[in-house]
Amino acid sequence: VQAGGSLRFSCAASRSIWSINPMGWYRQAPGK
């Protein structure tokens, strides 16, 4: 995407996850 644009991710779990179970997103850039 170009700078200023938007994207949307989704992540589906294979089983029921309670709302109290933390879910999150992480990222890793090259060399970091």
PDB file of all heavy atoms in Angstrom:
ATOM      1  N   VAL A   1       0.850  -1.185   0.000  1.00  0.00           N
ATOM      2  CA  VAL A   1       0.000   0.000   0.000  1.00  0.00           C
ATOM      3  C   VAL A   1       0.891   1.240   0.000  1.00  0.00           C
ATOM      4  O   VAL A   1       2.031   1.191   0.483  1.00  0.00           O
ATOM      5  CB  VAL A   1      -0.945  -0.006   1.233  1.00  0.00           C
ATOM      6  CG1 VAL A   1      -0.164   0.115   2.529  1.00  0.00           C
ATOM      7  CG2 VAL A   1      -2.014   1.066   1.121  1.00  0.00           C
ATOM      8  N   GLN A   2       0.383   2.312  -0.539  1.00  0.00           N
ATOM      9  CA  GLN A   2       1.126   3.571  -0.513  1.00  0.00           C
ATOM     10  C   GLN A   2       0.959   4.253   0.842  1.00  0.00           C
ATOM     11  O   GLN A   2      -0.033   4.029   1.553  1.00  0.00           O
ATOM     12  CB  GLN A   2       0.628   4.502  -1.617  1.00  0.00           C
ATOM     13  CG  GLN A   2       1.048   4.074  -3.021  1.00  0.00           C
ATOM     14  CD  GLN A   2       0.716   5.122  -4.065  1.00  0.00           C
ATOM     15  OE1 GLN A   2      -0.260   5.853  -3.942  1.00  0.00           O
ATOM     16  NE2 GLN A   2       1.522   5.189  -5.113  1.00  0.00           N
ATOM     17  N   ALA A   3       1.912   5.073   1.173  1.00  0.00           N
ATOM     18  CA  ALA A   3       1.844   5.834   2.416  1.00  0.00           C
ATOM     19  C   ALA A   3       0.541   6.628   2.458  1.00  0.00           C
ATOM     20  O   ALA A   3       0.119   7.206   1.449  1.00  0.00           O
ATOM     21  CB  ALA A   3       3.038   6.761   2.543  1.00  0.00           C
ATOM     22  N   GLY A   4      -0.079   6.610   3.625  1.00  0.00           N
ATOM     23  CA  GLY A   4      -1.363   7.283   3.797  1.00  0.00           C
ATOM     24  C   GLY A   4      -2.554   6.375   3.568  1.00  0.00           C
ATOM     25  O   GLY A   4      -3.694   6.748   3.874  1.00  0.00           O
ATOM     26  N   GLY A   5      -2.291   5.195   3.037  1.00  0.00           N
ATOM     27  CA  GLY A   5      -3.360   4.258   2.759  1.00  0.00           C
ATOM     28  C   GLY A   5      -3.781   3.448   3.963  1.00  0.00           C
ATOM     29  O   GLY A   5      -3.292   3.671   5.083  1.00  0.00           O
ATOM     30  N   SER A   6      -4.682   2.509   3.720  1.00  0.00           N
ATOM     31  CA  SER A   6      -5.238   1.687   4.796  1.00  0.00           C
ATOM     32  C   SER A   6      -5.197   0.218   4.414  1.00  0.00           C
ATOM     33  O   SER A   6      -5.243  -0.138   3.237  1.00  0.00           O
ATOM     34  CB  SER A   6      -6.696   2.087   5.068  1.00  0.00           C
ATOM     35  OG  SER A   6      -6.798   3.421   5.509  1.00  0.00           O
ATOM     36  N   LEU A   7      -5.104  -0.600   5.440  1.00  0.00           N
ATOM     37  CA  LEU A   7      -5.207  -2.050   5.289  1.00  0.00           C
ATOM     38  C   LEU A   7      -5.952  -2.605   6.484  1.00  0.00           C
ATOM     39  O   LEU A   7      -5.969  -1.990   7.553  1.00  0.00           O
ATOM     40  CB  LEU A   7      -3.818  -2.697   5.223  1.00  0.00           C
ATOM     41  CG  LEU A   7      -3.010  -2.536   3.949  1.00  0.00           C
ATOM     42  CD1 LEU A   7      -1.599  -3.081   4.168  1.00  0.00           C
ATOM     43  CD2 LEU A   7      -3.675  -3.236   2.787  1.00  0.00           C
ATOM     44  N   ARG A   8      -6.518  -3.780   6.304  1.00  0.00           N
ATOM     45  CA  ARG A   8      -7.221  -4.446   7.404  1.00  0.00           C
ATOM     46  C   ARG A   8      -6.807  -5.897   7.454  1.00  0.00           C
ATOM     47  O   ARG A   8      -6.822  -6.606   6.453  1.00  0.00           O
ATOM     48  CB  ARG A   8      -8.738  -4.352   7.215  1.00  0.00           C
ATOM     49  CG  ARG A   8      -9.538  -4.883   8.392  1.00  0.00           C
ATOM     50  CD  ARG A   8     -11.009  -4.633   8.170  1.00  0.00           C
ATOM     51  NE  ARG A   8     -11.820  -4.909   9.346  1.00  0.00           N
ATOM     52  CZ  ARG A   8     -12.734  -5.870   9.414  1.00  0.00           C
ATOM     53  NH1 ARG A   8     -12.926  -6.669   8.368  1.00  0.00           N
ATOM     54  NH2 ARG A   8     -13.449  -6.051  10.510  1.00  0.00           N
ATOM     55  N   PHE A   9      -6.416  -6.310   8.637  1.00  0.00           N
ATOM     56  CA  PHE A   9      -6.066  -7.697   8.893  1.00  0.00           C
ATOM     57  C   PHE A   9      -7.194  -8.395   9.635  1.00  0.00           C
ATOM     58  O   PHE A   9      -7.913  -7.768  10.413  1.00  0.00           O
ATOM     59  CB  PHE A   9      -4.849  -7.792   9.815  1.00  0.00           C
ATOM     60  CG  PHE A   9      -3.530  -7.611   9.157  1.00  0.00           C
ATOM     61  CD1 PHE A   9      -2.629  -6.698   9.659  1.00  0.00           C
ATOM     62  CD2 PHE A   9      -3.163  -8.378   8.059  1.00  0.00           C
ATOM     63  CE1 PHE A   9      -1.380  -6.541   9.076  1.00  0.00           C
ATOM     64  CE2 PHE A   9      -1.925  -8.220   7.476  1.00  0.00           C
ATOM     65  CZ  PHE A   9      -1.036  -7.303   7.990  1.00  0.00           C
ATOM     66  N   SER A  10      -7.297  -9.676   9.411  1.00  0.00           N
ATOM     67  CA  SER A  10      -8.110 -10.504  10.284  1.00  0.00           C
ATOM     68  C   SER A  10      -7.317 -11.745  10.672  1.00  0.00           C
ATOM     69  O   SER A  10      -6.408 -12.153   9.951  1.00  0.00           O
ATOM     70  CB  SER A  10      -9.426 -10.898   9.615  1.00  0.00           C
ATOM     71  OG  SER A  10      -9.179 -11.700   8.478  1.00  0.00           O
ATOM     72  N   CYS A  11      -7.655 -12.314  11.793  1.00  0.00           N
ATOM     73  CA  CYS A  11      -6.959 -13.495  12.308  1.00  0.00           C
ATOM     74  C   CYS A  11      -8.004 -14.368  12.982  1.00  0.00           C
ATOM     75  O   CYS A  11      -8.575 -13.962  13.992  1.00  0.00           O
ATOM     76  CB  CYS A  11      -5.871 -13.083  13.274  1.00  0.00           C
ATOM     77  SG  CYS A  11      -5.050 -14.449  14.111  1.00  0.00           S
ATOM     78  N   ALA A  12      -8.233 -15.532  12.406  1.00  0.00           N
ATOM     79  CA  ALA A  12      -9.265 -16.427  12.915  1.00  0.00           C
ATOM     80  C   ALA A  12      -8.639 -17.580  13.681  1.00  0.00           C
ATOM     81  O   ALA A  12      -7.696 -18.231  13.193  1.00  0.00           O
ATOM     82  CB  ALA A  12     -10.106 -16.958  11.761  1.00  0.00           C
ATOM     83  N   ALA A  13      -9.180 -17.836  14.853  1.00  0.00           N
ATOM     84  CA  ALA A  13      -8.717 -18.958  15.671  1.00  0.00           C
ATOM     85  C   ALA A  13      -9.511 -20.213  15.337  1.00  0.00           C
ATOM     86  O   ALA A  13     -10.680 -20.148  14.952  1.00  0.00           O
ATOM     87  CB  ALA A  13      -8.865 -18.629  17.151  1.00  0.00           C
ATOM     88  N   SER A  14      -8.872 -21.351  15.506  1.00  0.00           N
ATOM     89  CA  SER A  14      -9.484 -22.623  15.116  1.00  0.00           C
ATOM     90  C   SER A  14     -10.437 -23.172  16.167  1.00  0.00           C
ATOM     91  O   SER A  14     -11.093 -24.191  15.936  1.00  0.00           O
ATOM     92  CB  SER A  14      -8.395 -23.660  14.834  1.00  0.00           C
ATOM     93  OG  SER A  14      -7.613 -23.876  15.999  1.00  0.00           O
ATOM     94  N   ARG A  15     -10.511 -22.524  17.316  1.00  0.00           N
ATOM     95  CA  ARG A  15     -11.425 -22.971  18.358  1.00  0.00           C
ATOM     96  C   ARG A  15     -11.975 -21.761  19.092  1.00  0.00           C
ATOM     97  O   ARG A  15     -11.508 -20.652  18.903  1.00  0.00           O
ATOM     98  CB  ARG A  15     -10.717 -23.926  19.318  1.00  0.00           C
ATOM     99  CG  ARG A  15      -9.551 -23.321  20.058  1.00  0.00           C
ATOM    100  CD  ARG A  15      -9.176 -24.201  21.235  1.00  0.00           C
ATOM    101  NE  ARG A  15     -10.274 -24.267  22.172  1.00  0.00           N
ATOM    102  CZ  ARG A  15     -10.496 -25.339  22.941  1.00  0.00           C
ATOM    103  NH1 ARG A  15      -9.737 -26.409  22.858  1.00  0.00           N
ATOM    104  NH2 ARG A  15     -11.509 -25.332  23.785  1.00  0.00           N
ATOM    105  N   SER A  16     -12.947 -21.991  19.935  1.00  0.00           N
ATOM    106  CA  SER A  16     -13.539 -20.894  20.691  1.00  0.00           C
ATOM    107  C   SER A  16     -12.510 -20.286  21.634  1.00  0.00           C
ATOM    108  O   SER A  16     -11.795 -21.007  22.335  1.00  0.00           O
ATOM    109  CB  SER A  16     -14.737 -21.406  21.485  1.00  0.00           C
ATOM    110  OG  SER A  16     -15.759 -21.827  20.621  1.00  0.00           O
ATOM    111  N   ILE A  17     -12.463 -18.987  21.601  1.00  0.00           N
ATOM    112  CA  ILE A  17     -11.561 -18.235  22.475  1.00  0.00           C
ATOM    113  C   ILE A  17     -12.410 -17.336  23.349  1.00  0.00           C
ATOM    114  O   ILE A  17     -13.235 -16.586  22.845  1.00  0.00           O
ATOM    115  CB  ILE A  17     -10.576 -17.379  21.655  1.00  0.00           C
ATOM    116  CG1 ILE A  17      -9.740 -18.259  20.728  1.00  0.00           C
ATOM    117  CG2 ILE A  17      -9.680 -16.562  22.580  1.00  0.00           C
ATOM    118  CD1 ILE A  17      -8.809 -19.210  21.437  1.00  0.00           C
ATOM    119  N   TRP A  18     -12.217 -17.442  24.655  1.00  0.00           N
ATOM    120  CA  TRP A  18     -12.986 -16.583  25.548  1.00  0.00           C
ATOM    121  C   TRP A  18     -12.524 -15.136  25.415  1.00  0.00           C
ATOM    122  O   TRP A  18     -11.357 -14.862  25.137  1.00  0.00           O
ATOM    123  CB  TRP A  18     -12.807 -17.054  26.998  1.00  0.00           C
ATOM    124  CG  TRP A  18     -13.293 -18.427  27.226  1.00  0.00           C
ATOM    125  CD1 TRP A  18     -14.505 -18.957  26.853  1.00  0.00           C
ATOM    126  CD2 TRP A  18     -12.606 -19.492  27.890  1.00  0.00           C
ATOM    127  NE1 TRP A  18     -14.585 -20.268  27.250  1.00  0.00           N
ATOM    128  CE2 TRP A  18     -13.456 -20.615  27.885  1.00  0.00           C
ATOM    129  CE3 TRP A  18     -11.350 -19.587  28.499  1.00  0.00           C
ATOM    130  CZ2 TRP A  18     -13.073 -21.824  28.474  1.00  0.00           C
ATOM    131  CZ3 TRP A  18     -10.986 -20.780  29.071  1.00  0.00           C
ATOM    132  CH2 TRP A  18     -11.841 -21.890  29.052  1.00  0.00           C
ATOM    133  N   SER A  19     -13.433 -14.234  25.682  1.00  0.00           N
ATOM    134  CA  SER A  19     -13.084 -12.815  25.548  1.00  0.00           C
ATOM    135  C   SER A  19     -11.994 -12.400  26.528  1.00  0.00           C
ATOM    136  O   SER A  19     -11.285 -11.431  26.295  1.00  0.00           O
ATOM    137  CB  SER A  19     -14.328 -11.952  25.744  1.00  0.00           C
ATOM    138  OG  SER A  19     -14.837 -12.105  27.051  1.00  0.00           O
ATOM    139  N   ILE A  20     -11.849 -13.144  27.627  1.00  0.00           N
ATOM    140  CA  ILE A  20     -10.823 -12.796  28.602  1.00  0.00           C
ATOM    141  C   ILE A  20      -9.437 -13.242  28.153  1.00  0.00           C
ATOM    142  O   ILE A  20      -8.434 -12.855  28.749  1.00  0.00           O
ATOM    143  CB  ILE A  20     -11.117 -13.384  29.996  1.00  0.00           C
ATOM    144  CG1 ILE A  20     -11.141 -14.933  29.938  1.00  0.00           C
ATOM    145  CG2 ILE A  20     -12.406 -12.840  30.543  1.00  0.00           C
ATOM    146  CD1 ILE A  20     -11.216 -15.572  31.322  1.00  0.00           C
ATOM    147  N   ASN A  21      -9.382 -14.074  27.118  1.00  0.00           N
ATOM    148  CA  ASN A  21      -8.080 -14.476  26.600  1.00  0.00           C
ATOM    149  C   ASN A  21      -7.503 -13.348  25.752  1.00  0.00           C
ATOM    150  O   ASN A  21      -8.121 -12.935  24.767  1.00  0.00           O
ATOM    151  CB  ASN A  21      -8.199 -15.746  25.754  1.00  0.00           C
ATOM    152  CG  ASN A  21      -8.540 -16.955  26.584  1.00  0.00           C
ATOM    153  OD1 ASN A  21      -9.651 -17.457  26.532  1.00  0.00           O
ATOM    154  ND2 ASN A  21      -7.573 -17.414  27.356  1.00  0.00           N
ATOM    155  N   PRO A  22      -6.335 -12.865  26.090  1.00  0.00           N
ATOM    156  CA  PRO A  22      -5.750 -11.781  25.309  1.00  0.00           C
ATOM    157  C   PRO A  22      -5.467 -12.208  23.866  1.00  0.00           C
ATOM    158  O   PRO A  22      -4.970 -13.311  23.623  1.00  0.00           O
ATOM    159  CB  PRO A  22      -4.435 -11.469  26.031  1.00  0.00           C
ATOM    160  CG  PRO A  22      -4.621 -12.014  27.408  1.00  0.00           C
ATOM    161  CD  PRO A  22      -5.494 -13.222  27.241  1.00  0.00           C
ATOM    162  N   MET A  23      -5.803 -11.344  22.962  1.00  0.00           N
ATOM    163  CA  MET A  23      -5.419 -11.515  21.557  1.00  0.00           C
ATOM    164  C   MET A  23      -4.691 -10.252  21.133  1.00  0.00           C
ATOM    165  O   MET A  23      -4.958  -9.163  21.659  1.00  0.00           O
ATOM    166  CB  MET A  23      -6.635 -11.744  20.663  1.00  0.00           C
ATOM    167  CG  MET A  23      -7.440 -12.978  21.024  1.00  0.00           C
ATOM    168  SD  MET A  23      -8.748 -13.358  19.838  1.00  0.00           S
ATOM    169  CE  MET A  23      -7.802 -14.176  18.533  1.00  0.00           C
ATOM    170  N   GLY A  24      -3.784 -10.384  20.199  1.00  0.00           N
ATOM    171  CA  GLY A  24      -3.023  -9.208  19.836  1.00  0.00           C
ATOM    172  C   GLY A  24      -2.351  -9.310  18.489  1.00  0.00           C
ATOM    173  O   GLY A  24      -2.418 -10.341  17.803  1.00  0.00           O
ATOM    174  N   TRP A  25      -1.729  -8.218  18.137  1.00  0.00           N
ATOM    175  CA  TRP A  25      -0.948  -8.108  16.912  1.00  0.00           C
ATOM    176  C   TRP A  25       0.445  -7.619  17.259  1.00  0.00           C
ATOM    177  O   TRP A  25       0.604  -6.696  18.066  1.00  0.00           O
ATOM    178  CB  TRP A  25      -1.610  -7.142  15.926  1.00  0.00           C
ATOM    179  CG  TRP A  25      -2.900  -7.652  15.373  1.00  0.00           C
ATOM    180  CD1 TRP A  25      -4.148  -7.426  15.871  1.00  0.00           C
ATOM    181  CD2 TRP A  25      -3.068  -8.505  14.241  1.00  0.00           C
ATOM    182  NE1 TRP A  25      -5.088  -8.076  15.100  1.00  0.00           N
ATOM    183  CE2 TRP A  25      -4.450  -8.744  14.099  1.00  0.00           C
ATOM    184  CE3 TRP A  25      -2.186  -9.078  13.320  1.00  0.00           C
ATOM    185  CZ2 TRP A  25      -4.968  -9.535  13.070  1.00  0.00           C
ATOM    186  CZ3 TRP A  25      -2.707  -9.862  12.305  1.00  0.00           C
ATOM    187  CH2 TRP A  25      -4.078 -10.083  12.184  1.00  0.00           C
ATOM    188  N   TYR A  26       1.431  -8.237  16.636  1.00  0.00           N
ATOM    189  CA  TYR A  26       2.819  -7.850  16.781  1.00  0.00           C
ATOM    190  C   TYR A  26       3.398  -7.697  15.376  1.00  0.00           C
ATOM    191  O   TYR A  26       2.804  -8.162  14.397  1.00  0.00           O
ATOM    192  CB  TYR A  26       3.600  -8.926  17.558  1.00  0.00           C
ATOM    193  CG  TYR A  26       3.229  -8.995  19.019  1.00  0.00           C
ATOM    194  CD1 TYR A  26       1.996  -9.500  19.433  1.00  0.00           C
ATOM    195  CD2 TYR A  26       4.115  -8.551  20.005  1.00  0.00           C
ATOM    196  CE1 TYR A  26       1.646  -9.542  20.767  1.00  0.00           C
ATOM    197  CE2 TYR A  26       3.773  -8.606  21.348  1.00  0.00           C
ATOM    198  CZ  TYR A  26       2.543  -9.103  21.717  1.00  0.00           C
ATOM    199  OH  TYR A  26       2.202  -9.152  23.047  1.00  0.00           O
ATOM    200  N   ARG A  27       4.542  -7.059  15.294  1.00  0.00           N
ATOM    201  CA  ARG A  27       5.190  -6.929  14.001  1.00  0.00           C
ATOM    202  C   ARG A  27       6.702  -7.012  14.149  1.00  0.00           C
ATOM    203  O   ARG A  27       7.254  -6.727  15.215  1.00  0.00           O
ATOM    204  CB  ARG A  27       4.807  -5.618  13.315  1.00  0.00           C
ATOM    205  CG  ARG A  27       5.309  -4.359  14.011  1.00  0.00           C
ATOM    206  CD  ARG A  27       4.722  -3.121  13.344  1.00  0.00           C
ATOM    207  NE  ARG A  27       5.201  -1.895  13.969  1.00  0.00           N
ATOM    208  CZ  ARG A  27       4.746  -0.685  13.655  1.00  0.00           C
ATOM    209  NH1 ARG A  27       3.802  -0.536  12.736  1.00  0.00           N
ATOM    210  NH2 ARG A  27       5.239   0.389  14.255  1.00  0.00           N
ATOM    211  N   GLN A  28       7.324  -7.413  13.057  1.00  0.00           N
ATOM    212  CA  GLN A  28       8.780  -7.518  13.048  1.00  0.00           C
ATOM    213  C   GLN A  28       9.303  -6.970  11.739  1.00  0.00           C
ATOM    214  O   GLN A  28       9.000  -7.512  10.660  1.00  0.00           O
ATOM    215  CB  GLN A  28       9.231  -8.969  13.242  1.00  0.00           C
ATOM    216  CG  GLN A  28      10.719  -9.118  13.417  1.00  0.00           C
ATOM    217  CD  GLN A  28      11.109 -10.494  13.929  1.00  0.00           C
ATOM    218  OE1 GLN A  28      10.329 -11.440  13.890  1.00  0.00           O
ATOM    219  NE2 GLN A  28      12.322 -10.615  14.451  1.00  0.00           N
ATOM    220  N   ALA A  29      10.055  -5.897  11.846  1.00  0.00           N
ATOM    221  CA  ALA A  29      10.682  -5.298  10.670  1.00  0.00           C
ATOM    222  C   ALA A  29      12.049  -5.939  10.459  1.00  0.00           C
ATOM    223  O   ALA A  29      12.634  -6.496  11.397  1.00  0.00           O
ATOM    224  CB  ALA A  29      10.813  -3.793  10.874  1.00  0.00           C
ATOM    225  N   PRO A  30      12.570  -5.872   9.252  1.00  0.00           N
ATOM    226  CA  PRO A  30      13.883  -6.478   8.978  1.00  0.00           C
ATOM    227  C   PRO A  30      14.958  -5.942   9.918  1.00  0.00           C
ATOM    228  O   PRO A  30      15.089  -4.736  10.102  1.00  0.00           O
ATOM    229  CB  PRO A  30      14.160  -6.067   7.524  1.00  0.00           C
ATOM    230  CG  PRO A  30      12.815  -5.856   6.933  1.00  0.00           C
ATOM    231  CD  PRO A  30      11.972  -5.293   8.038  1.00  0.00           C
ATOM    232  N   GLY A  31      15.681  -6.856  10.521  1.00  0.00           N
ATOM    233  CA  GLY A  31      16.769  -6.477  11.403  1.00  0.00           C
ATOM    234  C   GLY A  31      16.349  -5.990  12.770  1.00  0.00           C
ATOM    235  O   GLY A  31      17.187  -5.552  13.563  1.00  0.00           O
ATOM    236  N   LYS A  32      15.054  -6.075  13.060  1.00  0.00           N
ATOM    237  CA  LYS A  32      14.557  -5.605  14.354  1.00  0.00           C
ATOM    238  C   LYS A  32      13.851  -6.726  15.095  1.00  0.00           C
ATOM    239  O   LYS A  32      13.468  -7.734  14.514  1.00  0.00           O
ATOM    240  CB  LYS A  32      13.611  -4.420  14.159  1.00  0.00           C
ATOM    241  CG  LYS A  32      14.277  -3.181  13.596  1.00  0.00           C
ATOM    242  CD  LYS A  32      13.308  -2.013  13.583  1.00  0.00           C
ATOM    243  CE  LYS A  32      13.985  -0.745  13.084  1.00  0.00           C
ATOM    244  NZ  LYS A  32      13.054   0.424  13.101  1.00  0.00           N
TER     245      LYS A  32
END
